[in-house]
Amino acid sequence: MVFVHASKHEGAGNDFLVVLDRDDSIRLSVAQVRLLADRRRGVGADGIIRVEPGRDGCDLSMHLVNADGSDAEMSGNGIRCLAQAAVDAGWVRPPRFTVATAAGTRTVEYAVGPADGWASARVDMGPARLGPDQAQEFDDRRGDSGLWHRERRSCGRRPELARRRWRRRGPGTEPRRHARGDTRR
């Protein structure tokens, strides 16, 4: 049996289990991730972040897995949790360090908070991008302020879109329609 040490962190409303993997040897199966992230039977979390030694000139590397076991490119709230765990463990020193993610290199500006367990982290998330099958220009705006993929919700969200549930349907993203033809909030 292999034991894995994980710490739980909350970043701007999302919570993650963070696993520091100095020798890059820990691999969790989809079933293990789902069990750990389950809020009734496990510890409960929005995802699991494995922190690895840096690559590509970065100080750290991040591997993020969603609660359903699928890989994720990036989470702004998740990288804040990673930052706190890595600083607390002495892997990096504030105020600034870089993290290699599946979405590219991210720079973190970190400040220790006023009390133990509190901190502030700002992350350069890079430019927002729509998916390749979504229109990049609209009548009233350009693509960089359009619809967000739900998985990238920590990058930003337009308030009027946040009130609706979105799902993939056909070539674009549109509100879910119900039998009455209305869009429920």
N, C-alpha and C. Protein backbone atom coordinates (compact mmCIF):
# COMPACT_ATOMS: atom_id res chain seq x y z
N MET A 1 0.85 -1.17 0.00
CA MET A 1 0.00 0.00 0.00
C MET A 1 0.90 1.24 0.00
N VAL A 2 0.55 2.21 -0.83
CA VAL A 2 1.31 3.45 -0.93
C VAL A 2 0.51 4.55 -0.24
N PHE A 3 1.18 5.32 0.60
CA PHE A 3 0.55 6.44 1.28
C PHE A 3 0.96 7.73 0.58
N VAL A 4 -0.01 8.60 0.39
CA VAL A 4 0.23 9.88 -0.26
C VAL A 4 -0.17 10.97 0.72
N HIS A 5 0.74 11.92 0.95
CA HIS A 5 0.44 13.06 1.81
C HIS A 5 -0.14 14.17 0.95
N ALA A 6 -1.31 14.66 1.33
CA ALA A 6 -1.95 15.75 0.61
C ALA A 6 -2.41 16.80 1.61
N SER A 7 -2.38 18.04 1.20
CA SER A 7 -2.94 19.11 2.02
C SER A 7 -4.11 19.71 1.27
N LYS A 8 -5.08 20.22 2.00
CA LYS A 8 -6.27 20.80 1.37
C LYS A 8 -6.20 22.31 1.48
N HIS A 9 -6.45 22.98 0.36
CA HIS A 9 -6.36 24.44 0.30
C HIS A 9 -7.59 24.98 -0.39
N GLU A 10 -7.97 26.21 -0.02
CA GLU A 10 -9.09 26.91 -0.64
C GLU A 10 -8.55 28.16 -1.30
N GLY A 11 -8.93 28.36 -2.56
CA GLY A 11 -8.50 29.54 -3.30
C GLY A 11 -9.68 30.19 -3.97
N ALA A 12 -10.13 31.33 -3.44
CA ALA A 12 -11.20 32.12 -4.04
C ALA A 12 -12.45 31.28 -4.35
N GLY A 13 -12.81 30.40 -3.42
CA GLY A 13 -14.05 29.65 -3.57
C GLY A 13 -13.91 28.23 -4.07
N ASN A 14 -12.75 27.86 -4.60
CA ASN A 14 -12.52 26.48 -5.01
C ASN A 14 -11.57 25.82 -4.03
N ASP A 15 -11.75 24.53 -3.78
CA ASP A 15 -10.83 23.82 -2.89
C ASP A 15 -10.16 22.68 -3.64
N PHE A 16 -8.89 22.47 -3.30
CA PHE A 16 -8.08 21.47 -3.99
C PHE A 16 -7.26 20.70 -2.98
N LEU A 17 -7.03 19.43 -3.29
CA LEU A 17 -6.03 18.65 -2.57
C LEU A 17 -4.73 18.84 -3.32
N VAL A 18 -3.67 19.18 -2.58
CA VAL A 18 -2.37 19.43 -3.20
C VAL A 18 -1.40 18.36 -2.72
N VAL A 19 -0.78 17.69 -3.68
CA VAL A 19 0.19 16.63 -3.40
C VAL A 19 1.55 17.11 -3.88
N LEU A 20 2.51 17.21 -2.95
CA LEU A 20 3.88 17.58 -3.32
C LEU A 20 4.63 16.31 -3.69
N ASP A 21 5.08 16.23 -4.93
CA ASP A 21 5.69 15.02 -5.48
C ASP A 21 7.11 15.34 -5.95
N ARG A 22 8.04 15.45 -5.00
CA ARG A 22 9.40 15.89 -5.31
C ARG A 22 10.11 14.98 -6.30
N ASP A 23 9.88 13.66 -6.22
CA ASP A 23 10.57 12.76 -7.14
C ASP A 23 9.71 12.34 -8.34
N ASP A 24 8.59 13.01 -8.54
CA ASP A 24 7.72 12.78 -9.70
C ASP A 24 7.34 11.30 -9.85
N SER A 25 6.90 10.71 -8.73
CA SER A 25 6.61 9.27 -8.75
C SER A 25 5.16 8.93 -8.42
N ILE A 26 4.39 9.89 -8.00
CA ILE A 26 3.01 9.60 -7.57
C ILE A 26 2.07 9.66 -8.77
N ARG A 27 1.33 8.59 -8.96
CA ARG A 27 0.32 8.54 -10.02
C ARG A 27 -0.98 8.05 -9.38
N LEU A 28 -2.03 8.82 -9.54
CA LEU A 28 -3.33 8.42 -9.02
C LEU A 28 -4.22 8.00 -10.17
N SER A 29 -4.94 6.91 -9.98
CA SER A 29 -5.87 6.45 -11.01
C SER A 29 -7.11 7.34 -11.02
N VAL A 30 -7.90 7.25 -12.07
CA VAL A 30 -9.15 7.99 -12.15
C VAL A 30 -10.05 7.62 -10.97
N ALA A 31 -10.12 6.33 -10.63
CA ALA A 31 -10.95 5.88 -9.52
C ALA A 31 -10.46 6.48 -8.19
N GLN A 32 -9.16 6.54 -7.98
CA GLN A 32 -8.61 7.12 -6.76
C GLN A 32 -8.92 8.61 -6.67
N VAL A 33 -8.78 9.32 -7.78
CA VAL A 33 -9.09 10.75 -7.81
C VAL A 33 -10.56 10.98 -7.48
N ARG A 34 -11.44 10.22 -8.13
CA ARG A 34 -12.87 10.38 -7.88
C ARG A 34 -13.23 10.12 -6.42
N LEU A 35 -12.63 9.11 -5.82
CA LEU A 35 -12.90 8.79 -4.43
C LEU A 35 -12.40 9.90 -3.50
N LEU A 36 -11.17 10.34 -3.69
CA LEU A 36 -10.62 11.41 -2.85
C LEU A 36 -11.41 12.70 -2.98
N ALA A 37 -11.84 13.04 -4.19
CA ALA A 37 -12.54 14.30 -4.44
C ALA A 37 -14.03 14.24 -4.07
N ASP A 38 -14.57 13.04 -3.87
CA ASP A 38 -15.98 12.90 -3.54
C ASP A 38 -16.27 13.55 -2.18
N ARG A 39 -17.26 14.41 -2.14
CA ARG A 39 -17.56 15.17 -0.92
C ARG A 39 -18.33 14.36 0.12
N ARG A 40 -18.85 13.22 -0.26
CA ARG A 40 -19.59 12.38 0.71
C ARG A 40 -18.73 11.22 1.23
N ARG A 41 -17.98 10.60 0.33
CA ARG A 41 -17.22 9.41 0.72
C ARG A 41 -15.73 9.66 0.87
N GLY A 42 -15.22 10.76 0.33
CA GLY A 42 -13.79 11.05 0.39
C GLY A 42 -13.52 12.33 1.16
N VAL A 43 -12.39 12.93 0.87
CA VAL A 43 -12.03 14.20 1.52
C VAL A 43 -12.87 15.33 0.96
N GLY A 44 -13.10 15.30 -0.34
CA GLY A 44 -13.88 16.33 -1.01
C GLY A 44 -13.00 17.44 -1.55
N ALA A 45 -13.10 17.69 -2.86
CA ALA A 45 -12.31 18.75 -3.49
C ALA A 45 -12.80 18.95 -4.92
N ASP A 46 -12.51 20.14 -5.46
CA ASP A 46 -12.81 20.42 -6.86
C ASP A 46 -11.80 19.74 -7.79
N GLY A 47 -10.66 19.35 -7.25
CA GLY A 47 -9.65 18.68 -8.05
C GLY A 47 -8.44 18.35 -7.20
N ILE A 48 -7.50 17.66 -7.83
CA ILE A 48 -6.25 17.29 -7.17
C ILE A 48 -5.10 17.84 -7.99
N ILE A 49 -4.19 18.52 -7.31
CA ILE A 49 -3.04 19.13 -7.96
C ILE A 49 -1.78 18.41 -7.49
N ARG A 50 -1.05 17.90 -8.46
CA ARG A 50 0.25 17.30 -8.15
C ARG A 50 1.32 18.32 -8.49
N VAL A 51 2.13 18.70 -7.51
CA VAL A 51 3.21 19.66 -7.70
C VAL A 51 4.49 18.86 -7.91
N GLU A 52 5.16 19.15 -8.99
CA GLU A 52 6.37 18.42 -9.38
C GLU A 52 7.53 19.40 -9.48
N PRO A 53 8.76 18.88 -9.56
CA PRO A 53 9.90 19.76 -9.80
C PRO A 53 9.70 20.53 -11.10
N GLY A 54 10.31 21.71 -11.18
CA GLY A 54 10.15 22.56 -12.35
C GLY A 54 10.68 21.93 -13.63
N ARG A 55 10.13 22.36 -14.76
CA ARG A 55 10.61 21.94 -16.07
C ARG A 55 10.54 23.16 -16.99
N ASP A 56 11.21 23.09 -18.10
CA ASP A 56 11.19 24.17 -19.08
C ASP A 56 11.59 25.51 -18.47
N GLY A 57 12.54 25.49 -17.53
CA GLY A 57 13.02 26.72 -16.91
C GLY A 57 12.14 27.28 -15.81
N CYS A 58 11.07 26.57 -15.44
CA CYS A 58 10.17 27.05 -14.39
C CYS A 58 10.61 26.52 -13.03
N ASP A 59 10.17 27.19 -11.98
CA ASP A 59 10.49 26.77 -10.62
C ASP A 59 9.73 25.52 -10.20
N LEU A 60 8.49 25.39 -10.65
CA LEU A 60 7.62 24.26 -10.31
C LEU A 60 6.85 23.80 -11.54
N SER A 61 6.27 22.61 -11.45
CA SER A 61 5.36 22.12 -12.49
C SER A 61 4.05 21.71 -11.81
N MET A 62 2.96 21.87 -12.55
CA MET A 62 1.62 21.59 -12.02
C MET A 62 0.90 20.59 -12.90
N HIS A 63 0.35 19.55 -12.29
CA HIS A 63 -0.52 18.62 -13.00
C HIS A 63 -1.86 18.65 -12.27
N LEU A 64 -2.90 19.15 -12.94
CA LEU A 64 -4.22 19.31 -12.34
C LEU A 64 -5.18 18.27 -12.90
N VAL A 65 -5.88 17.61 -11.99
CA VAL A 65 -6.89 16.63 -12.37
C VAL A 65 -8.21 17.07 -11.73
N ASN A 66 -9.26 17.16 -12.55
CA ASN A 66 -10.59 17.51 -12.05
C ASN A 66 -11.14 16.41 -11.15
N ALA A 67 -12.18 16.73 -10.40
CA ALA A 67 -12.79 15.77 -9.48
C ALA A 67 -13.31 14.52 -10.18
N ASP A 68 -13.63 14.62 -11.48
CA ASP A 68 -14.11 13.45 -12.22
C ASP A 68 -12.97 12.61 -12.79
N GLY A 69 -11.74 13.01 -12.54
CA GLY A 69 -10.58 12.25 -13.00
C GLY A 69 -10.00 12.71 -14.32
N SER A 70 -10.62 13.69 -14.96
CA SER A 70 -10.11 14.18 -16.24
C SER A 70 -9.00 15.22 -16.02
N ASP A 71 -8.05 15.27 -16.93
CA ASP A 71 -6.98 16.24 -16.85
C ASP A 71 -7.50 17.63 -17.18
N ALA A 72 -6.91 18.63 -16.56
CA ALA A 72 -7.27 20.03 -16.82
C ALA A 72 -6.00 20.80 -17.16
N GLU A 73 -6.13 21.79 -18.03
CA GLU A 73 -4.98 22.61 -18.40
C GLU A 73 -4.51 23.48 -17.26
N MET A 74 -5.46 24.17 -16.63
CA MET A 74 -5.10 25.24 -15.72
C MET A 74 -6.29 25.65 -14.88
N SER A 75 -6.03 26.14 -13.69
CA SER A 75 -7.05 26.77 -12.85
C SER A 75 -6.36 27.89 -12.09
N GLY A 76 -6.87 29.08 -12.23
CA GLY A 76 -6.30 30.21 -11.51
C GLY A 76 -6.41 30.03 -10.00
N ASN A 77 -7.56 29.54 -9.54
CA ASN A 77 -7.73 29.29 -8.12
C ASN A 77 -6.86 28.11 -7.67
N GLY A 78 -6.72 27.11 -8.52
CA GLY A 78 -5.89 25.96 -8.19
C GLY A 78 -4.42 26.32 -8.06
N ILE A 79 -3.93 27.17 -8.96
CA ILE A 79 -2.51 27.54 -8.88
C ILE A 79 -2.23 28.38 -7.63
N ARG A 80 -3.24 29.09 -7.15
CA ARG A 80 -3.09 29.81 -5.88
C ARG A 80 -2.90 28.81 -4.73
N CYS A 81 -3.65 27.72 -4.77
CA CYS A 81 -3.51 26.67 -3.76
C CYS A 81 -2.13 26.01 -3.85
N LEU A 82 -1.71 25.73 -5.07
CA LEU A 82 -0.37 25.18 -5.30
C LEU A 82 0.68 26.11 -4.70
N ALA A 83 0.53 27.41 -4.93
CA ALA A 83 1.50 28.38 -4.44
C ALA A 83 1.61 28.32 -2.92
N GLN A 84 0.48 28.29 -2.23
CA GLN A 84 0.52 28.25 -0.77
C GLN A 84 1.21 26.98 -0.28
N ALA A 85 0.87 25.84 -0.87
CA ALA A 85 1.48 24.58 -0.44
C ALA A 85 2.98 24.57 -0.70
N ALA A 86 3.41 25.05 -1.87
CA ALA A 86 4.82 25.05 -2.23
C ALA A 86 5.63 26.01 -1.36
N VAL A 87 5.07 27.18 -1.07
CA VAL A 87 5.77 28.14 -0.20
C VAL A 87 5.85 27.58 1.21
N ASP A 88 4.74 27.05 1.73
CA ASP A 88 4.74 26.48 3.09
C ASP A 88 5.75 25.35 3.24
N ALA A 89 5.94 24.56 2.17
CA ALA A 89 6.88 23.43 2.21
C ALA A 89 8.32 23.85 1.93
N GLY A 90 8.51 25.11 1.56
CA GLY A 90 9.87 25.59 1.28
C GLY A 90 10.38 25.25 -0.10
N TRP A 91 9.50 24.86 -1.02
CA TRP A 91 9.93 24.53 -2.39
C TRP A 91 10.30 25.77 -3.17
N VAL A 92 9.62 26.88 -2.91
CA VAL A 92 9.89 28.16 -3.57
C VAL A 92 9.82 29.26 -2.52
N ARG A 93 10.39 30.41 -2.87
CA ARG A 93 10.35 31.57 -1.98
C ARG A 93 9.57 32.70 -2.65
N PRO A 94 8.72 33.35 -1.86
CA PRO A 94 8.04 34.52 -2.40
C PRO A 94 9.07 35.64 -2.63
N PRO A 95 8.79 36.63 -3.38
CA PRO A 95 7.45 37.04 -3.79
C PRO A 95 7.05 36.56 -5.18
N ARG A 96 7.98 36.00 -5.98
CA ARG A 96 7.65 35.70 -7.37
C ARG A 96 8.30 34.38 -7.79
N PHE A 97 7.50 33.54 -8.49
CA PHE A 97 8.04 32.30 -9.04
C PHE A 97 7.20 31.87 -10.22
N THR A 98 7.71 30.91 -10.99
CA THR A 98 7.02 30.46 -12.20
C THR A 98 6.59 29.00 -12.07
N VAL A 99 5.49 28.68 -12.76
CA VAL A 99 4.94 27.32 -12.72
C VAL A 99 4.66 26.88 -14.15
N ALA A 100 5.16 25.70 -14.52
CA ALA A 100 4.86 25.10 -15.82
C ALA A 100 3.53 24.38 -15.70
N THR A 101 2.58 24.72 -16.60
CA THR A 101 1.27 24.08 -16.61
C THR A 101 1.00 23.56 -18.02
N ALA A 102 -0.06 22.81 -18.19
CA ALA A 102 -0.44 22.33 -19.52
C ALA A 102 -0.87 23.49 -20.42
N ALA A 103 -1.18 24.64 -19.83
CA ALA A 103 -1.58 25.82 -20.60
C ALA A 103 -0.40 26.78 -20.82
N GLY A 104 0.79 26.38 -20.39
CA GLY A 104 1.97 27.23 -20.55
C GLY A 104 2.50 27.71 -19.21
N THR A 105 3.51 28.53 -19.27
CA THR A 105 4.15 29.06 -18.06
C THR A 105 3.28 30.14 -17.43
N ARG A 106 3.13 30.05 -16.11
CA ARG A 106 2.37 31.05 -15.36
C ARG A 106 3.28 31.64 -14.29
N THR A 107 3.21 32.96 -14.12
CA THR A 107 3.98 33.65 -13.10
C THR A 107 3.08 33.95 -11.92
N VAL A 108 3.55 33.62 -10.72
CA VAL A 108 2.79 33.82 -9.49
C VAL A 108 3.50 34.88 -8.65
N GLU A 109 2.73 35.86 -8.19
CA GLU A 109 3.21 36.83 -7.22
C GLU A 109 2.54 36.50 -5.90
N TYR A 110 3.34 36.18 -4.88
CA TYR A 110 2.83 35.62 -3.64
C TYR A 110 3.23 36.49 -2.46
N ALA A 111 2.29 36.73 -1.55
CA ALA A 111 2.56 37.48 -0.32
C ALA A 111 1.98 36.72 0.86
N VAL A 112 2.80 36.52 1.87
CA VAL A 112 2.34 35.86 3.08
C VAL A 112 1.30 36.75 3.75
N GLY A 113 0.25 36.14 4.27
CA GLY A 113 -0.86 36.88 4.87
C GLY A 113 -0.60 37.31 6.29
N PRO A 114 -1.60 37.98 6.90
CA PRO A 114 -1.44 38.52 8.24
C PRO A 114 -1.46 37.47 9.36
N ALA A 115 -1.96 36.29 9.04
CA ALA A 115 -2.03 35.22 10.04
C ALA A 115 -1.57 33.91 9.40
N ASP A 116 -1.16 32.97 10.24
CA ASP A 116 -0.73 31.67 9.75
C ASP A 116 -1.84 31.02 8.93
N GLY A 117 -1.49 30.50 7.76
CA GLY A 117 -2.47 29.85 6.89
C GLY A 117 -3.12 30.79 5.90
N TRP A 118 -2.81 32.08 5.96
CA TRP A 118 -3.39 33.06 5.05
C TRP A 118 -2.31 33.60 4.13
N ALA A 119 -2.68 33.84 2.89
CA ALA A 119 -1.75 34.38 1.91
C ALA A 119 -2.52 35.04 0.79
N SER A 120 -1.80 35.77 -0.04
CA SER A 120 -2.37 36.38 -1.23
C SER A 120 -1.52 35.98 -2.42
N ALA A 121 -2.16 35.57 -3.50
CA ALA A 121 -1.43 35.17 -4.70
C ALA A 121 -2.10 35.75 -5.93
N ARG A 122 -1.31 36.37 -6.78
CA ARG A 122 -1.80 36.88 -8.07
C ARG A 122 -1.13 36.04 -9.14
N VAL A 123 -1.90 35.69 -10.17
CA VAL A 123 -1.41 34.82 -11.22
C VAL A 123 -1.62 35.47 -12.58
N ASP A 124 -0.58 35.49 -13.38
CA ASP A 124 -0.71 35.94 -14.77
C ASP A 124 -1.30 34.79 -15.55
N MET A 125 -2.59 34.89 -15.90
CA MET A 125 -3.30 33.80 -16.56
C MET A 125 -3.11 33.78 -18.08
N GLY A 126 -2.46 34.80 -18.62
CA GLY A 126 -2.31 34.84 -20.07
C GLY A 126 -3.61 35.29 -20.73
N PRO A 127 -3.61 35.39 -22.04
CA PRO A 127 -4.82 35.85 -22.74
C PRO A 127 -5.92 34.78 -22.71
N ALA A 128 -7.16 35.24 -22.66
CA ALA A 128 -8.31 34.32 -22.73
C ALA A 128 -8.49 33.89 -24.18
N ARG A 129 -8.84 32.62 -24.38
CA ARG A 129 -9.05 32.10 -25.72
C ARG A 129 -10.33 31.29 -25.75
N LEU A 130 -11.05 31.44 -26.83
CA LEU A 130 -12.22 30.60 -27.07
C LEU A 130 -11.77 29.31 -27.72
N GLY A 131 -12.62 28.31 -27.68
CA GLY A 131 -12.30 27.04 -28.33
C GLY A 131 -12.24 27.21 -29.84
N PRO A 132 -11.55 26.30 -30.54
CA PRO A 132 -11.38 26.42 -31.98
C PRO A 132 -12.68 26.33 -32.78
N ASP A 133 -13.71 25.72 -32.20
CA ASP A 133 -14.97 25.58 -32.93
C ASP A 133 -15.96 26.68 -32.59
N GLN A 134 -15.54 27.70 -31.87
CA GLN A 134 -16.42 28.81 -31.51
C GLN A 134 -16.06 30.04 -32.33
N ALA A 135 -17.06 30.81 -32.65
CA ALA A 135 -16.83 32.05 -33.40
C ALA A 135 -15.90 32.96 -32.61
N GLN A 136 -14.96 33.58 -33.30
CA GLN A 136 -13.99 34.43 -32.62
C GLN A 136 -14.40 35.90 -32.62
N GLU A 137 -15.41 36.26 -33.39
CA GLU A 137 -15.89 37.64 -33.40
C GLU A 137 -17.40 37.64 -33.33
N PHE A 138 -17.94 38.65 -32.68
CA PHE A 138 -19.37 38.78 -32.50
C PHE A 138 -19.77 40.18 -32.96
N ASP A 139 -21.07 40.41 -33.11
CA ASP A 139 -21.55 41.72 -33.55
C ASP A 139 -21.10 42.85 -32.64
N ASP A 140 -21.16 42.60 -31.32
CA ASP A 140 -20.90 43.69 -30.38
C ASP A 140 -19.58 43.58 -29.63
N ARG A 141 -18.76 42.56 -29.92
CA ARG A 141 -17.50 42.40 -29.18
C ARG A 141 -16.57 41.45 -29.92
N ARG A 142 -15.31 41.45 -29.54
CA ARG A 142 -14.35 40.51 -30.09
C ARG A 142 -14.31 39.26 -29.22
N GLY A 143 -13.72 38.22 -29.71
CA GLY A 143 -13.70 36.92 -29.03
C GLY A 143 -13.08 36.92 -27.66
N ASP A 144 -12.20 37.88 -27.36
CA ASP A 144 -11.54 37.83 -26.06
C ASP A 144 -12.47 38.20 -24.91
N SER A 145 -13.69 38.61 -25.19
CA SER A 145 -14.65 38.86 -24.10
C SER A 145 -15.92 38.02 -24.30
N GLY A 146 -15.82 36.98 -25.08
CA GLY A 146 -16.98 36.15 -25.38
C GLY A 146 -17.22 35.06 -24.36
N LEU A 147 -17.74 33.95 -24.80
CA LEU A 147 -18.11 32.85 -23.92
C LEU A 147 -16.87 32.13 -23.42
N TRP A 148 -16.92 31.70 -22.19
CA TRP A 148 -15.80 30.96 -21.59
C TRP A 148 -16.15 29.49 -21.55
N HIS A 149 -15.16 28.65 -21.69
CA HIS A 149 -15.38 27.22 -21.44
C HIS A 149 -15.64 27.07 -19.95
N ARG A 150 -16.57 26.23 -19.59
CA ARG A 150 -16.89 26.03 -18.18
C ARG A 150 -15.65 25.58 -17.39
N GLU A 151 -14.80 24.74 -17.98
CA GLU A 151 -13.61 24.25 -17.28
C GLU A 151 -12.62 25.36 -16.98
N ARG A 152 -12.75 26.49 -17.66
CA ARG A 152 -11.82 27.59 -17.44
C ARG A 152 -12.48 28.71 -16.64
N ARG A 153 -13.47 28.35 -15.83
CA ARG A 153 -14.24 29.37 -15.13
C ARG A 153 -13.39 30.22 -14.20
N SER A 154 -12.27 29.70 -13.72
CA SER A 154 -11.46 30.50 -12.82
C SER A 154 -10.69 31.58 -13.56
N CYS A 155 -10.64 31.52 -14.89
CA CYS A 155 -9.96 32.56 -15.65
C CYS A 155 -10.76 33.84 -15.67
N GLY A 156 -12.03 33.74 -15.66
CA GLY A 156 -12.89 34.92 -15.71
C GLY A 156 -14.29 34.52 -16.09
N ARG A 157 -15.23 35.35 -15.75
CA ARG A 157 -16.61 35.02 -16.04
C ARG A 157 -17.38 36.31 -16.19
N ARG A 158 -18.17 36.39 -17.22
CA ARG A 158 -19.04 37.55 -17.37
C ARG A 158 -20.26 37.34 -16.49
N PRO A 159 -20.64 38.32 -15.68
CA PRO A 159 -21.74 38.12 -14.72
C PRO A 159 -23.04 37.64 -15.35
N GLU A 160 -23.41 38.16 -16.52
CA GLU A 160 -24.68 37.74 -17.12
C GLU A 160 -24.63 36.30 -17.61
N LEU A 161 -23.44 35.79 -17.91
CA LEU A 161 -23.32 34.39 -18.32
C LEU A 161 -23.22 33.47 -17.11
N ALA A 162 -22.71 33.97 -16.01
CA ALA A 162 -22.52 33.13 -14.83
C ALA A 162 -23.84 32.66 -14.24
N ARG A 163 -24.93 33.37 -14.51
CA ARG A 163 -26.23 33.00 -13.96
C ARG A 163 -26.87 31.84 -14.69
N ARG A 164 -26.33 31.46 -15.82
CA ARG A 164 -26.93 30.39 -16.61
C ARG A 164 -26.06 29.14 -16.58
N ARG A 165 -26.68 28.01 -16.78
CA ARG A 165 -25.93 26.76 -16.92
C ARG A 165 -25.61 26.58 -18.40
N TRP A 166 -24.38 26.24 -18.68
CA TRP A 166 -23.95 26.09 -20.07
C TRP A 166 -23.48 24.66 -20.29
N ARG A 167 -23.67 24.19 -21.49
CA ARG A 167 -23.15 22.88 -21.85
C ARG A 167 -22.80 22.90 -23.33
N ARG A 168 -21.99 21.95 -23.75
CA ARG A 168 -21.59 21.86 -25.15
C ARG A 168 -22.77 21.34 -25.95
N ARG A 169 -23.06 21.98 -27.06
CA ARG A 169 -24.12 21.52 -27.93
C ARG A 169 -23.75 21.92 -29.35
N GLY A 170 -23.51 20.95 -30.18
CA GLY A 170 -23.17 21.25 -31.57
C GLY A 170 -21.85 21.98 -31.67
N PRO A 171 -21.71 22.85 -32.66
CA PRO A 171 -20.44 23.50 -32.90
C PRO A 171 -20.11 24.62 -31.92
N GLY A 172 -21.06 25.08 -31.11
CA GLY A 172 -20.79 26.18 -30.20
C GLY A 172 -21.32 25.89 -28.82
N THR A 173 -21.29 26.88 -27.98
CA THR A 173 -21.82 26.75 -26.63
C THR A 173 -23.06 27.61 -26.55
N GLU A 174 -24.14 27.06 -26.02
CA GLU A 174 -25.38 27.83 -25.93
C GLU A 174 -26.12 27.42 -24.68
N PRO A 175 -27.07 28.24 -24.21
CA PRO A 175 -27.80 27.88 -23.00
C PRO A 175 -28.65 26.64 -23.23
N ARG A 176 -28.82 25.88 -22.17
CA ARG A 176 -29.65 24.68 -22.22
C ARG A 176 -31.11 25.10 -22.36
N ARG A 177 -31.82 24.52 -23.30
CA ARG A 177 -33.24 24.81 -23.52
C ARG A 177 -34.07 23.72 -22.86
N HIS A 178 -35.16 24.11 -22.28
CA HIS A 178 -36.04 23.17 -21.61
C HIS A 178 -37.32 23.02 -22.41
N ALA A 179 -38.18 22.11 -21.97
CA ALA A 179 -39.40 21.79 -22.70
C ALA A 179 -40.27 23.02 -22.97
N ARG A 180 -40.31 23.94 -22.03
CA ARG A 180 -41.14 25.13 -22.22
C ARG A 180 -40.48 26.11 -23.19
N GLY A 181 -39.23 25.85 -23.58
CA GLY A 181 -38.55 26.74 -24.50
C GLY A 181 -37.83 27.88 -23.80
N ASP A 182 -37.90 27.92 -22.46
CA ASP A 182 -37.22 29.00 -21.76
C ASP A 182 -35.82 28.54 -21.34
N THR A 183 -35.02 29.46 -20.91
CA THR A 183 -33.69 29.14 -20.40
C THR A 183 -33.72 29.34 -18.89
N ARG A 184 -33.60 28.26 -18.16
CA ARG A 184 -33.63 28.34 -16.71
C ARG A 184 -32.32 28.88 -16.19
N ARG A 185 -32.39 29.51 -15.07
CA ARG A 185 -31.18 30.06 -14.44
C ARG A 185 -30.70 29.13 -13.37
